């Protein structure tokens, strides 16, 4: 028996699998509470199958399992480290030579990979010792990654009961916190269609002027001419979509989650888990269903709106894809294939956004029954993929100057890209409003930002300026009855939006909640710090 055959029998080879799994565990550790433990299965299976398949192909060709395993590990390291090198060099340049460009980095990594593989294949060494060393290193990597998951979970929770909540959350029924209300509508009464359009991160006019020097009066004057009441002093009650929208759609504050789930927990399932979260499974939709309304939602990549269990029709629907798994998505975006993955994802988001705007205005015509139409559109929120007239923008590219002489700038300026997306959102929203009113002037229309912007915000220790910027949201409501429009107030917060709608048109007797605002951030979504004092005198 040859020396190589002896070494094959006595040496285990597993470092390619462990090296492949390591980045997945690191990504998971950064998303504990945002993704399910079972979401680890798909990416682990994918990278394991890839590693094993390439290994056996190379083993068959080279007749040396140690070389085959080493080549697989080299490929994996270069593929997965690429994105991190790209982001590290993204803003680095020598004279006018920008190092952080895919056109330079991909060939460079390809060259390194080719040279490494060439010398490994040509080497006369067996690489059995290298295999032992890599096995040990890969085990250390996996242990570090697992420890990191445990440490992050412990840091987030900081309490014994929260640890299990973080990783193994069991659904809970929170309906008792919202109460039941009766609606007084007659069988002969023609109930209005209700349209609720959420424009993500759309700030109100004075905030746009303060932080972007942008005058938005043309848009608001259009809405007012159509009969909308545009609030001059509106606020969102929470700073993040995942908090703000559940509060709006359940017509109540969600601070009870601090006790029910744990103020130190980062698990987002109580808020946005499909079928059970307060975002998709909410009191507003349940109330409309009680009144025999049909529910229309849209697949716009916003949380789980397209998977709402109470929806009767979903527009712009698409089949599930691998990148719907957050871990697969992040892994792909930080790999050597990241550029192409991001361009594909941007194209998908563009298509979904345009589809939602195109279909929203006619959605009430789908059913003969009265309809509640709800879309959460990711504009003007990043990524920056639209110019002011809908032109395709690639995030990170120089500004689109066309039709925007006031924005002449050769560089990359997110604040200006934000305004370009505000302009496009305005353009499409005006088209939507025209279409709805053309179809049925007796409709109720709500156009609302879920919160404002957050440029330079200190999330963990917010000051007055941080709160003042983030919670000033856009809020415009159209009531078909002019008399009822006069009852709408300039000072309002989103939590009372549907209390007002139901009281005005559906005979309910909701008490208007006191306007209060709370702060929380992505690592502690249930740590609610009251910040009302910064906003209301």
Protein backbone atom coordinates (compact mmCIF):
# COMPACT_ATOMS: atom_id res chain seq x y z
CA UNK A 1 0.00 0.00 0.00
CA UNK A 2 1.41 3.42 -0.97
CA UNK A 3 2.29 6.12 1.54
CA UNK A 4 -0.59 8.25 0.20
CA UNK A 5 -3.04 5.39 0.64
CA UNK A 6 -1.94 4.96 4.26
CA UNK A 7 -2.40 8.64 4.97
CA UNK A 8 -5.84 8.59 3.33
CA UNK A 9 -6.94 5.84 5.71
CA UNK A 10 -5.59 7.49 8.84
CA UNK A 11 -6.57 11.11 8.24
CA UNK A 12 -10.00 12.69 8.52
CA UNK A 13 -10.86 15.63 6.26
CA UNK A 14 -13.58 18.01 7.38
CA UNK A 15 -12.12 21.53 7.25
CA UNK A 16 -13.91 22.51 3.97
CA UNK A 17 -17.31 21.90 5.59
CA UNK A 18 -16.43 23.83 8.74
CA UNK A 19 -14.90 26.70 6.77
CA UNK A 20 -18.10 26.84 4.68
CA UNK A 21 -20.35 26.91 7.75
CA UNK A 22 -18.30 29.46 9.72
CA UNK A 23 -19.52 32.64 7.92
CA UNK A 24 -23.12 31.48 8.23
CA UNK A 25 -22.80 31.19 12.00
CA UNK A 26 -21.14 34.61 12.20
CA UNK A 27 -23.96 36.17 10.16
CA UNK A 28 -26.51 34.42 12.37
CA UNK A 29 -24.82 35.77 15.50
CA UNK A 30 -25.35 39.28 14.13
CA UNK A 31 -29.02 38.55 13.51
CA UNK A 32 -30.05 36.64 16.62
CA UNK A 33 -33.69 37.44 17.24
CA UNK A 34 -34.29 38.60 13.69
CA UNK A 35 -34.12 35.19 12.08
CA UNK A 36 -35.29 31.78 13.20
CA UNK A 37 -32.86 29.10 14.33
CA UNK A 38 -34.29 26.82 11.63
CA UNK A 39 -33.26 29.38 9.01
CA UNK A 40 -29.73 28.06 9.48
CA UNK A 41 -30.65 24.80 7.76
CA UNK A 42 -30.93 26.06 4.17
CA UNK A 43 -27.62 27.96 3.92
CA UNK A 44 -25.77 25.18 5.76
CA UNK A 45 -27.16 22.59 3.33
CA UNK A 46 -26.28 24.76 0.31
CA UNK A 47 -22.65 25.43 1.27
CA UNK A 48 -22.16 21.85 2.47
CA UNK A 49 -23.44 20.39 -0.79
CA UNK A 50 -21.27 22.79 -2.75
CA UNK A 51 -18.18 21.93 -0.71
CA UNK A 52 -18.72 18.18 -0.86
CA UNK A 53 -19.53 18.21 -4.58
CA UNK A 54 -16.46 20.24 -5.54
CA UNK A 55 -14.33 18.13 -3.21
CA UNK A 56 -15.32 14.83 -4.81
CA UNK A 57 -14.90 16.20 -8.32
CA UNK A 58 -11.41 17.44 -7.52
CA UNK A 59 -10.59 14.25 -5.64
CA UNK A 60 -11.53 12.22 -8.71
CA UNK A 61 -9.41 14.44 -10.97
CA UNK A 62 -6.37 14.86 -8.72
CA UNK A 63 -6.42 11.45 -7.03
CA UNK A 64 -5.40 13.28 -3.85
CA UNK A 65 -8.08 14.04 -1.23
CA UNK A 66 -5.82 16.41 0.70
CA UNK A 67 -5.16 18.62 -2.31
CA UNK A 68 -8.84 18.51 -3.23
CA UNK A 69 -9.86 19.62 0.27
CA UNK A 70 -7.24 22.38 0.35
CA UNK A 71 -8.43 23.77 -2.98
CA UNK A 72 -12.05 23.75 -1.79
CA UNK A 73 -11.05 25.63 1.37
CA UNK A 74 -9.06 28.19 -0.66
CA UNK A 75 -12.06 28.76 -2.93
CA UNK A 76 -14.43 29.14 0.02
CA UNK A 77 -12.19 31.60 1.85
CA UNK A 78 -11.74 33.80 -1.22
CA UNK A 79 -15.44 33.65 -2.12
CA UNK A 80 -16.65 34.62 1.35
CA UNK A 81 -13.95 37.09 2.33
CA UNK A 82 -14.42 39.07 -0.89
CA UNK A 83 -17.36 41.18 0.27
CA UNK A 84 -15.59 42.21 3.45
CA UNK A 85 -12.49 43.30 1.52
CA UNK A 86 -14.73 45.20 -0.89
CA UNK A 87 -16.45 47.13 1.92
CA UNK A 88 -13.09 47.77 3.60
CA UNK A 89 -11.66 49.30 0.42
CA UNK A 90 -14.88 50.90 -0.80
CA UNK A 91 -13.82 54.43 0.16
CA UNK A 92 -10.08 53.92 -0.31
CA UNK A 93 -8.33 55.49 -3.28
CA UNK A 94 -4.77 56.24 -4.33
CA UNK A 95 -4.70 59.52 -6.22
CA UNK A 96 -7.74 59.02 -8.48
CA UNK A 97 -7.52 55.23 -8.49
CA UNK A 98 -10.45 53.79 -6.51
CA UNK A 99 -9.38 50.50 -4.95
CA UNK A 100 -12.88 49.45 -3.92
CA UNK A 101 -14.25 48.64 -7.36
CA UNK A 102 -15.56 45.25 -8.45
CA UNK A 103 -13.89 45.68 -11.83
CA UNK A 104 -10.52 45.58 -10.06
CA UNK A 105 -11.20 43.31 -7.11
CA UNK A 106 -12.93 40.44 -8.93
CA UNK A 107 -10.03 39.93 -11.39
CA UNK A 108 -7.55 40.27 -8.51
CA UNK A 109 -9.34 37.63 -6.46
CA UNK A 110 -9.67 35.45 -9.54
CA UNK A 111 -5.94 35.72 -10.12
CA UNK A 112 -5.15 34.86 -6.49
CA UNK A 113 -7.50 31.88 -6.68
CA UNK A 114 -6.01 30.68 -9.95
CA UNK A 115 -2.42 30.97 -8.73
CA UNK A 116 -3.26 29.23 -5.43
CA UNK A 117 -4.97 26.34 -7.19
CA UNK A 118 -2.17 26.04 -9.76
CA UNK A 119 0.58 25.76 -7.15
CA UNK A 120 -1.49 23.37 -5.03
CA UNK A 121 -2.04 21.07 -7.99
CA UNK A 122 1.59 21.22 -9.13
CA UNK A 123 3.07 20.78 -5.65
CA UNK A 124 4.72 17.43 -4.93
CA UNK A 125 3.68 17.55 -1.29
CA UNK A 126 0.80 15.37 -0.12
CA UNK A 127 -0.63 18.11 2.15
CA UNK A 128 -1.65 15.68 4.89
CA UNK A 129 -0.02 17.85 7.57
CA UNK A 130 -1.72 20.93 6.14
CA UNK A 131 -4.99 19.04 6.41
CA UNK A 132 -4.42 18.36 10.11
CA UNK A 133 -3.62 22.00 10.76
CA UNK A 134 -6.65 23.23 8.78
CA UNK A 135 -8.90 20.74 10.59
CA UNK A 136 -7.83 22.17 13.94
CA UNK A 137 -8.17 25.76 12.76
CA UNK A 138 -11.64 25.08 11.33
CA UNK A 139 -12.76 23.51 14.63
CA UNK A 140 -11.54 26.60 16.47
CA UNK A 141 -13.42 28.80 13.99
CA UNK A 142 -16.65 26.88 14.57
CA UNK A 143 -16.26 26.99 18.35
CA UNK A 144 -15.62 30.74 18.18
CA UNK A 145 -18.70 31.22 16.00
CA UNK A 146 -20.94 29.18 18.30
CA UNK A 147 -19.58 31.02 21.33
CA UNK A 148 -20.28 34.29 19.55
CA UNK A 149 -23.91 33.28 19.02
CA UNK A 150 -24.25 32.44 22.71
CA UNK A 151 -22.52 35.65 23.83
CA UNK A 152 -24.61 37.85 21.56
CA UNK A 153 -27.82 36.21 22.76
CA UNK A 154 -26.70 36.60 26.38
CA UNK A 155 -25.72 40.23 25.83
CA UNK A 156 -29.03 40.98 24.17
CA UNK A 157 -31.15 39.25 26.74
CA UNK A 158 -29.26 39.82 30.00
CA UNK A 159 -31.87 37.77 31.82
CA UNK A 160 -32.51 34.07 32.33
CA UNK A 161 -36.05 33.88 30.97
CA UNK A 162 -35.13 35.92 27.89
CA UNK A 163 -32.56 33.48 26.56
CA UNK A 164 -35.19 30.96 25.52
CA UNK A 165 -37.43 33.78 24.28
CA UNK A 166 -34.61 34.91 22.02
CA UNK A 167 -33.99 31.61 20.30
CA UNK A 168 -37.19 29.61 20.78
CA UNK A 169 -40.04 32.10 20.98
CA UNK A 170 -43.50 30.59 21.38
CA UNK A 171 -46.44 32.53 19.87
CA UNK A 172 -48.59 34.45 22.34
CA UNK A 173 -52.06 35.92 22.10
CA UNK A 174 -51.95 39.68 22.66
CA UNK A 175 -55.53 40.43 21.60
CA UNK A 176 -56.55 41.07 25.20
CA UNK A 177 -54.47 44.24 25.19
CA UNK A 178 -56.52 45.78 22.39
CA UNK A 179 -60.09 45.11 23.48
CA UNK A 180 -63.18 44.70 21.33
CA UNK A 181 -65.30 47.44 19.80
CA UNK A 182 -68.65 47.45 18.10
CA UNK A 183 -69.29 49.04 14.74
CA UNK A 184 -72.64 50.54 13.81
CA UNK A 185 -73.28 50.09 10.10
CA UNK A 186 -76.59 49.30 8.41
CA UNK A 187 -77.03 46.65 5.73
CA UNK A 188 -78.22 49.28 3.27
CA UNK A 189 -75.30 51.59 4.00
CA UNK A 190 -72.75 51.76 1.18
CA UNK A 191 -69.46 51.44 2.97
CA UNK A 192 -66.44 53.25 1.54
CA UNK A 193 -63.34 51.57 0.18
CA UNK A 194 -60.38 52.42 2.41
CA UNK A 195 -56.88 52.86 0.98
CA UNK A 196 -53.86 52.92 3.29
CA UNK A 197 -50.55 53.74 1.61
CA UNK A 198 -47.44 53.65 3.81
CA UNK A 199 -44.43 55.41 2.32
CA UNK A 200 -41.49 54.15 4.35
CA UNK A 201 -39.38 56.85 6.04
CA UNK A 202 -41.33 59.70 4.45
CA UNK A 203 -40.77 62.75 6.67
CA UNK A 204 -43.20 65.61 6.98
CA UNK A 205 -42.64 68.90 5.14
CA UNK A 206 -40.83 70.91 7.79
CA UNK A 207 -38.37 68.04 8.39
CA UNK A 208 -37.65 67.81 4.66
CA UNK A 209 -36.91 71.52 4.70
CA UNK A 210 -34.77 71.33 7.85
CA UNK A 211 -32.56 68.40 6.86
CA UNK A 212 -32.62 68.48 3.06
CA UNK A 213 -33.48 72.07 2.17
CA UNK A 214 -36.32 70.63 0.08
CA UNK A 215 -39.64 72.42 -0.37
CA UNK A 216 -42.40 69.81 -0.61
CA UNK A 217 -45.35 72.21 -0.81
CA UNK A 218 -46.11 71.34 -4.44
CA UNK A 219 -47.02 67.81 -3.41
CA UNK A 220 -49.00 68.77 -0.32
CA UNK A 221 -50.86 71.49 -2.23
CA UNK A 222 -51.86 68.86 -4.79
CA UNK A 223 -53.27 66.69 -2.00
CA UNK A 224 -55.06 69.61 -0.36
CA UNK A 225 -56.61 70.60 -3.68
CA UNK A 226 -57.99 67.07 -3.89
CA UNK A 227 -59.54 67.41 -0.44
CA UNK A 228 -56.86 65.86 1.76
CA UNK A 229 -56.09 67.15 5.21
CA UNK A 230 -52.30 67.23 5.54
CA UNK A 231 -51.26 67.39 9.19
CA UNK A 232 -48.83 70.18 10.00
CA UNK A 233 -47.70 68.66 13.29
CA UNK A 234 -47.89 64.88 12.93
CA UNK A 235 -45.68 62.33 14.65
CA UNK A 236 -45.11 58.60 14.57
CA UNK A 237 -45.29 56.97 17.99
CA UNK A 238 -42.18 54.82 17.54
CA UNK A 239 -38.96 55.23 15.52
CA UNK A 240 -38.85 51.93 13.61
CA UNK A 241 -41.31 50.47 11.09
CA UNK A 242 -41.50 47.22 13.01
CA UNK A 243 -42.77 49.17 16.06
CA UNK A 244 -44.64 52.06 14.45
CA UNK A 245 -46.84 50.13 12.03
CA UNK A 246 -48.01 47.49 14.54
CA UNK A 247 -49.04 50.34 16.86
CA UNK A 248 -50.91 52.10 14.05
CA UNK A 249 -52.58 48.93 12.80
CA UNK A 250 -53.58 47.81 16.29
CA UNK A 251 -54.70 51.33 17.25
CA UNK A 252 -52.81 51.16 20.51
CA UNK A 253 -49.41 51.45 22.11
CA UNK A 254 -47.36 48.25 22.16
CA UNK A 255 -45.38 48.92 25.34
CA UNK A 256 -46.89 45.83 26.97
CA UNK A 257 -44.39 43.80 24.94
CA UNK A 258 -41.66 44.93 27.31
CA UNK A 259 -43.33 42.83 30.03
CA UNK A 260 -44.70 40.04 27.85
CA UNK A 261 -41.53 39.40 25.86
CA UNK A 262 -38.77 41.19 27.76
CA UNK A 263 -37.31 44.65 27.34
CA UNK A 264 -33.86 43.17 26.67
CA UNK A 265 -35.02 40.73 23.98
CA UNK A 266 -34.33 41.33 20.28
CA UNK A 267 -36.63 38.61 18.93
CA UNK A 268 -38.84 40.32 16.33
CA UNK A 269 -41.37 37.49 16.01
CA UNK A 270 -44.03 39.09 18.25
CA UNK A 271 -43.99 42.06 15.88
CA UNK A 272 -43.51 40.74 12.37
CA UNK A 273 -43.69 36.95 12.30
CA UNK A 274 -46.04 35.92 9.50
CA UNK A 275 -49.49 34.79 10.65
CA UNK A 276 -48.92 35.71 14.31
CA UNK A 277 -47.06 39.03 14.49
CA UNK A 278 -48.75 42.29 15.39
CA UNK A 279 -47.75 43.70 12.00
CA UNK A 280 -49.59 41.25 9.70
CA UNK A 281 -52.21 39.94 12.13
CA UNK A 282 -53.65 43.23 13.35
CA UNK A 283 -56.84 44.71 14.78
CA UNK A 284 -57.51 47.06 11.85
CA UNK A 285 -57.76 44.21 9.37
CA UNK A 286 -59.76 42.10 11.83
CA UNK A 287 -62.17 45.01 12.27
CA UNK A 288 -62.67 45.39 8.53
CA UNK A 289 -63.21 41.64 8.22
CA UNK A 290 -65.92 41.87 10.88
CA UNK A 291 -67.70 44.32 8.59
CA UNK A 292 -67.37 41.93 5.62
CA UNK A 293 -64.66 43.90 3.90
CA UNK A 294 -62.29 42.28 1.44
CA UNK A 295 -58.60 42.79 2.16
CA UNK A 296 -56.03 43.53 -0.56
CA UNK A 297 -52.30 43.61 0.20
CA UNK A 298 -49.12 43.84 -1.86
CA UNK A 299 -45.80 42.06 -2.03
CA UNK A 300 -43.39 44.97 -1.70
CA UNK A 301 -40.61 43.27 0.29
CA UNK A 302 -41.86 45.05 3.42
CA UNK A 303 -41.85 42.58 6.33
CA UNK A 304 -44.59 39.94 5.86
CA UNK A 305 -47.40 42.07 4.44
CA UNK A 306 -47.74 39.78 1.40
CA UNK A 307 -48.23 36.76 3.68
CA UNK A 308 -51.05 38.25 5.71
CA UNK A 309 -53.34 35.42 6.84
CA UNK A 310 -56.42 37.64 6.55
CA UNK A 311 -55.72 38.94 3.04
CA UNK A 312 -58.18 38.02 0.28
CA UNK A 313 -55.94 39.13 -2.59
CA UNK A 314 -52.24 39.87 -2.89
CA UNK A 315 -50.94 41.86 -5.83
CA UNK A 316 -47.43 41.80 -7.25
CA UNK A 317 -46.96 38.34 -5.80
CA UNK A 318 -43.83 36.37 -6.62
CA UNK A 319 -42.67 32.87 -5.89
CA UNK A 320 -40.33 32.32 -2.98
CA UNK A 321 -36.64 32.50 -3.76
CA UNK A 322 -33.45 31.48 -1.99
CA UNK A 323 -32.70 35.08 -1.01
CA UNK A 324 -35.91 35.20 1.03
CA UNK A 325 -33.82 33.45 3.65
CA UNK A 326 -32.04 36.34 5.39
CA UNK A 327 -28.92 34.30 6.08
CA UNK A 328 -28.63 33.18 2.45
CA UNK A 329 -29.23 36.77 1.36
CA UNK A 330 -26.48 38.27 3.54
CA UNK A 331 -24.09 35.42 2.73
CA UNK A 332 -24.61 35.96 -1.00
CA UNK A 333 -24.28 39.75 -0.77
CA UNK A 334 -20.96 39.52 1.08
CA UNK A 335 -19.54 36.90 -1.27
CA UNK A 336 -17.69 37.37 -4.53
CA UNK A 337 -21.08 37.15 -6.23
CA UNK A 338 -22.43 40.04 -4.15
CA UNK A 339 -22.41 42.62 -6.95
CA UNK A 340 -24.62 40.47 -9.16
CA UNK A 341 -26.87 39.44 -6.28
CA UNK A 342 -27.43 43.08 -5.30
CA UNK A 343 -28.22 44.13 -8.87
CA UNK A 344 -30.73 41.29 -9.11
CA UNK A 345 -32.30 42.20 -5.74
CA UNK A 346 -32.56 45.86 -6.76
CA UNK A 347 -34.30 44.89 -9.99
CA UNK A 348 -36.76 42.77 -8.00
CA UNK A 349 -37.46 45.64 -5.59
CA UNK A 350 -37.92 48.09 -8.48
CA UNK A 351 -40.39 45.76 -10.14
CA UNK A 352 -42.34 45.20 -6.91
CA UNK A 353 -42.45 48.94 -6.14
CA UNK A 354 -43.63 49.91 -9.62
CA UNK A 355 -46.18 47.11 -9.61
CA UNK A 356 -47.59 48.27 -6.26
CA UNK A 357 -47.98 51.85 -7.46
CA UNK A 358 -49.55 50.69 -10.73
CA UNK A 359 -52.07 48.35 -9.10
CA UNK A 360 -52.87 50.23 -5.89
CA UNK A 361 -55.33 52.73 -7.38
CA UNK A 362 -57.45 50.03 -9.03
CA UNK A 363 -57.33 47.47 -6.23
CA UNK A 364 -60.73 48.51 -4.92
CA UNK A 365 -62.34 47.35 -8.17
CA UNK A 366 -61.33 43.72 -7.68
CA UNK A 367 -64.28 42.87 -5.42
CA UNK A 368 -67.90 43.96 -5.38
CA UNK A 369 -67.72 44.12 -1.59
CA UNK A 370 -66.15 47.13 0.15
CA UNK A 371 -62.38 46.77 0.24
CA UNK A 372 -59.49 47.72 2.49
CA UNK A 373 -56.36 48.21 0.40
CA UNK A 374 -53.03 48.26 2.24
CA UNK A 375 -49.56 48.75 0.76
CA UNK A 376 -46.27 49.39 2.53
CA UNK A 377 -43.90 50.73 -0.12
CA UNK A 378 -40.17 51.03 0.54
CA UNK A 379 -39.88 54.63 -0.64
CA UNK A 380 -38.19 56.99 0.00
CA UNK A 381 -36.37 54.51 2.26
CA UNK A 382 -33.08 53.14 0.84
CA UNK A 383 -31.78 51.43 -1.21
CA UNK A 384 -31.48 54.35 -3.61
CA UNK A 385 -32.79 52.77 -6.81
CA UNK A 386 -35.00 55.49 -8.34
CA UNK A 387 -34.33 58.89 -9.82
CA UNK A 388 -36.99 61.63 -9.48
CA UNK A 389 -38.87 60.39 -12.55
CA UNK A 390 -38.34 56.69 -11.94
CA UNK A 391 -34.96 56.41 -13.62
CA UNK A 392 -33.01 53.32 -12.59
CA UNK A 393 -30.28 54.19 -10.11
CA UNK A 394 -27.56 51.87 -8.89
CA UNK A 395 -26.85 52.56 -5.21
CA UNK A 396 -23.44 54.08 -4.70
CA UNK A 397 -23.24 55.53 -8.19
CA UNK A 398 -22.88 59.29 -8.81
CA UNK A 399 -26.04 61.35 -8.60
CA UNK A 400 -28.54 61.40 -11.40
CA UNK A 401 -28.41 64.96 -12.68
CA UNK A 402 -31.08 64.65 -15.38
CA UNK A 403 -33.96 67.07 -14.75
CA UNK A 404 -32.29 68.07 -11.48
CA UNK A 405 -29.98 71.01 -12.19
CA UNK A 406 -30.19 72.04 -8.54
CA UNK A 407 -28.54 68.77 -7.56
CA UNK A 408 -25.35 69.18 -9.56
CA UNK A 409 -22.81 67.05 -7.76
CA UNK A 410 -20.34 64.52 -9.07
CA UNK A 411 -20.22 62.47 -5.89
CA UNK A 412 -22.35 60.10 -3.87
CA UNK A 413 -24.71 61.95 -1.53
CA UNK A 414 -27.38 59.85 0.22
CA UNK A 415 -29.39 62.87 1.39
CA UNK A 416 -29.90 64.02 -2.17
CA UNK A 417 -30.68 60.49 -3.34
CA UNK A 418 -33.31 60.38 -0.59
CA UNK A 419 -34.94 63.53 -1.99
CA UNK A 420 -34.91 62.09 -5.50
CA UNK A 421 -36.86 59.12 -4.16
CA UNK A 422 -39.23 61.51 -2.35
CA UNK A 423 -39.85 63.19 -5.70
CA UNK A 424 -40.57 59.87 -7.38
CA UNK A 425 -42.82 58.78 -4.52
CA UNK A 426 -44.70 62.07 -4.92
CA UNK A 427 -45.11 61.53 -8.65
CA UNK A 428 -46.49 58.01 -8.26
CA UNK A 429 -48.67 58.90 -5.26
CA UNK A 430 -50.32 61.71 -7.21
CA UNK A 431 -51.10 59.24 -9.99
CA UNK A 432 -52.53 56.81 -7.43
CA UNK A 433 -54.74 59.48 -5.84
CA UNK A 434 -56.04 60.58 -9.24
CA UNK A 435 -56.90 57.00 -10.11
CA UNK A 436 -58.67 56.25 -6.82
CA UNK A 437 -60.80 59.39 -6.95
CA UNK A 438 -61.58 58.78 -10.61
CA UNK A 439 -62.85 55.31 -9.75
CA UNK A 440 -64.71 56.23 -6.56
CA UNK A 441 -64.72 59.65 -4.89
CA UNK A 442 -66.38 58.15 -1.82
CA UNK A 443 -63.20 56.32 -0.86
CA UNK A 444 -61.14 57.04 2.25
CA UNK A 445 -57.43 57.52 1.49
CA UNK A 446 -54.56 57.63 3.98
CA UNK A 447 -51.03 58.46 2.84
CA UNK A 448 -48.62 58.18 5.73
CA UNK A 449 -44.94 57.86 6.53
CA UNK A 450 -44.22 55.33 9.26
CA UNK A 451 -41.46 57.61 10.62
CA UNK A 452 -39.01 60.27 9.48
CA UNK A 453 -35.31 60.18 8.62
CA UNK A 454 -32.35 59.37 10.87
CA UNK A 455 -29.28 61.14 9.55
CA UNK A 456 -26.50 60.94 12.14
CA UNK A 457 -28.88 59.64 14.80
CA UNK A 458 -27.54 58.36 18.11
CA UNK A 459 -29.86 55.40 18.50
CA UNK A 460 -28.67 54.24 21.91
CA UNK A 461 -28.65 57.65 23.61
CA UNK A 462 -30.90 59.89 21.53
CA UNK A 463 -31.00 63.61 22.11
CA UNK A 464 -33.81 66.02 21.33
CA UNK A 465 -32.53 66.57 17.79
CA UNK A 466 -32.46 62.82 17.07
CA UNK A 467 -36.02 62.36 18.26
CA UNK A 468 -37.21 65.54 16.56
CA UNK A 469 -35.84 64.33 13.23
CA UNK A 470 -36.93 60.69 13.38
CA UNK A 471 -40.51 60.97 14.61
CA UNK A 472 -41.77 63.74 12.33
CA UNK A 473 -43.69 61.67 9.79
CA UNK A 474 -45.86 62.64 6.84
CA UNK A 475 -49.60 62.22 7.42
CA UNK A 476 -52.38 63.03 4.94
CA UNK A 477 -56.00 61.82 5.11
CA UNK A 478 -58.83 62.13 2.60
CA UNK A 479 -62.40 61.87 3.85
CA UNK A 480 -65.10 62.05 1.16
CA UNK A 481 -67.33 64.15 3.46
CA UNK A 482 -66.11 67.71 3.76
CA UNK A 483 -67.73 68.16 7.17
CA UNK A 484 -65.82 65.19 8.59
CA UNK A 485 -62.58 66.52 7.11
CA UNK A 486 -62.89 69.59 9.28
CA UNK A 487 -62.70 67.35 12.36
CA UNK A 488 -59.19 66.20 11.45
CA UNK A 489 -56.51 67.87 13.53
CA UNK A 490 -53.09 69.22 12.63
CA UNK A 491 -51.67 67.72 15.83
CA UNK A 492 -52.01 63.95 15.59
CA UNK A 493 -50.04 60.76 15.97
CA UNK A 494 -50.35 57.58 13.94
CA UNK A 495 -51.77 55.44 16.76
CA UNK A 496 -55.08 57.32 16.48
CA UNK A 497 -55.35 57.12 12.67
CA UNK A 498 -57.83 54.26 12.46
CA UNK A 499 -59.61 55.19 15.67
CA UNK A 500 -60.48 58.40 13.82
CA UNK A 501 -61.51 56.52 10.66
CA UNK A 502 -63.71 54.03 12.50
CA UNK A 503 -65.37 56.70 14.65
CA UNK A 504 -66.07 58.94 11.65
CA UNK A 505 -67.45 56.34 9.23
CA UNK A 506 -68.25 53.10 11.02
CA UNK A 507 -70.10 54.15 14.15
CA UNK A 508 -67.47 53.09 16.66
CA UNK A 509 -66.78 55.03 19.83
CA UNK A 510 -63.05 54.78 20.26
CA UNK A 511 -61.50 57.09 22.78
CA UNK A 512 -58.66 59.12 21.30
CA UNK A 513 -55.43 58.06 22.98
CA UNK A 514 -53.15 60.64 24.50
CA UNK A 515 -50.32 61.43 22.09
CA UNK A 516 -47.13 59.82 23.36
CA UNK A 517 -43.88 58.97 21.65
CA UNK A 518 -41.36 56.29 22.57
CA UNK A 519 -37.84 55.37 21.52
CA UNK A 520 -36.32 51.98 20.89
CA UNK A 521 -33.68 50.66 18.52
CA UNK A 522 -33.00 47.54 16.50
CA UNK A 523 -31.09 45.69 19.23
CA UNK A 524 -33.76 46.43 21.84
CA UNK A 525 -37.10 46.83 20.05
CA UNK A 526 -39.03 46.38 23.34
CA UNK A 527 -37.05 48.84 25.40
CA UNK A 528 -39.48 51.77 25.25
CA UNK A 529 -38.14 55.06 26.52
CA UNK A 530 -40.68 57.87 26.51
CA UNK A 531 -39.51 60.90 24.51
CA UNK A 532 -42.78 62.84 24.35
CA UNK A 533 -41.17 65.67 26.30
CA UNK A 534 -38.85 66.37 23.36
CA UNK A 535 -41.74 66.85 20.95
CA UNK A 536 -44.76 68.30 22.69
CA UNK A 537 -44.73 71.46 24.78
